[in-house]
């Protein structure tokens, strides 16, 4: 995701949250769904668009700066209680 590449992963709540719009969450036990999804990414324009969303997702939600800020706010909140 950080490299701007779309992700194809299993369909679970946590994966949906992590991937967001940066890829596809599918039933990995369904071979036809996997084939269809991978074939969709053969379209370079589509893959590029999703890849850009993937990179944006990582930068906005999982960068060191974002993570540090979230921990700072959490620790500050705990301290104030």
Protein backbone atom coordinates (compact mmCIF):
# COMPACT_ATOMS: atom_id res chain seq x y z
CA UNK A 1 0.00 0.00 0.00
CA UNK A 2 2.77 2.44 0.88
CA UNK A 3 4.28 1.81 -2.57
CA UNK A 4 1.05 2.87 -4.26
CA UNK A 5 0.08 -0.67 -5.21
CA UNK A 6 -3.50 -1.90 -4.79
CA UNK A 7 -4.00 -4.67 -2.25
CA UNK A 8 -6.09 -7.80 -2.65
CA UNK A 9 -6.75 -9.46 0.70
CA UNK A 10 -9.25 -11.53 2.62
CA UNK A 11 -12.58 -9.97 3.51
CA UNK A 12 -12.56 -9.33 7.25
CA UNK A 13 -13.52 -6.30 9.28
CA UNK A 14 -9.94 -5.41 10.17
CA UNK A 15 -8.74 -5.81 6.59
CA UNK A 16 -11.59 -3.64 5.32
CA UNK A 17 -10.60 -0.97 7.81
CA UNK A 18 -6.91 -1.16 6.89
CA UNK A 19 -7.34 -1.32 3.10
CA UNK A 20 -10.22 1.17 2.88
CA UNK A 21 -10.37 2.34 -0.76
CA UNK A 22 -6.84 1.15 -1.54
CA UNK A 23 -7.66 -2.32 -2.76
CA UNK A 24 -10.12 -5.17 -2.67
CA UNK A 25 -11.27 -7.34 0.20
CA UNK A 26 -12.59 -10.61 -1.15
CA UNK A 27 -13.50 -14.13 -0.12
CA UNK A 28 -10.11 -15.70 -0.80
CA UNK A 29 -11.65 -19.17 -0.77
CA UNK A 30 -13.73 -18.22 -3.82
CA UNK A 31 -11.40 -18.80 -6.77
CA UNK A 32 -13.73 -17.10 -9.28
CA UNK A 33 -13.89 -13.95 -7.16
CA UNK A 34 -10.10 -13.93 -6.89
CA UNK A 35 -9.68 -14.34 -10.66
CA UNK A 36 -12.22 -11.61 -11.40
CA UNK A 37 -10.60 -9.22 -8.95
CA UNK A 38 -7.11 -9.81 -10.28
CA UNK A 39 -8.37 -9.42 -13.85
CA UNK A 40 -9.85 -6.04 -12.89
CA UNK A 41 -6.34 -4.89 -11.92
CA UNK A 42 -5.06 -5.68 -15.41
CA UNK A 43 -6.68 -2.36 -16.35
CA UNK A 44 -3.73 -0.02 -15.73
CA UNK A 45 -5.92 3.06 -15.31
CA UNK A 46 -8.06 1.34 -12.67
CA UNK A 47 -5.04 -0.17 -10.91
CA UNK A 48 -3.30 3.22 -10.93
CA UNK A 49 -6.33 4.96 -9.44
CA UNK A 50 -6.68 2.39 -6.66
CA UNK A 51 -2.93 2.42 -6.09
CA UNK A 52 -2.99 6.19 -5.54
CA UNK A 53 -5.84 5.76 -3.05
CA UNK A 54 -3.83 3.04 -1.35
CA UNK A 55 -0.81 5.31 -0.93
CA UNK A 56 -2.98 8.21 0.26
CA UNK A 57 -4.61 5.92 2.83
CA UNK A 58 -1.24 4.88 4.26
CA UNK A 59 0.11 8.42 4.42
CA UNK A 60 -3.01 9.83 6.08
CA UNK A 61 -3.66 7.00 8.52
CA UNK A 62 -0.47 5.04 9.18
CA UNK A 63 2.52 7.36 8.77
CA UNK A 64 4.89 7.89 11.69
CA UNK A 65 3.64 11.47 12.09
CA UNK A 66 0.00 10.40 12.19
CA UNK A 67 0.68 7.51 14.56
CA UNK A 68 2.80 9.66 16.87
CA UNK A 69 0.10 12.33 17.00
CA UNK A 70 -2.56 9.74 17.87
CA UNK A 71 -0.44 8.30 20.69
CA UNK A 72 0.36 11.77 21.98
CA UNK A 73 -3.34 12.63 22.17
CA UNK A 74 -4.14 9.30 23.82
CA UNK A 75 -1.43 9.67 26.49
CA UNK A 76 -2.44 13.28 27.13
CA UNK A 77 -6.05 12.19 27.58
CA UNK A 78 -5.05 9.42 29.99
CA UNK A 79 -2.84 11.79 31.97
CA UNK A 80 -5.69 14.29 32.36
CA UNK A 81 -8.04 11.72 33.86
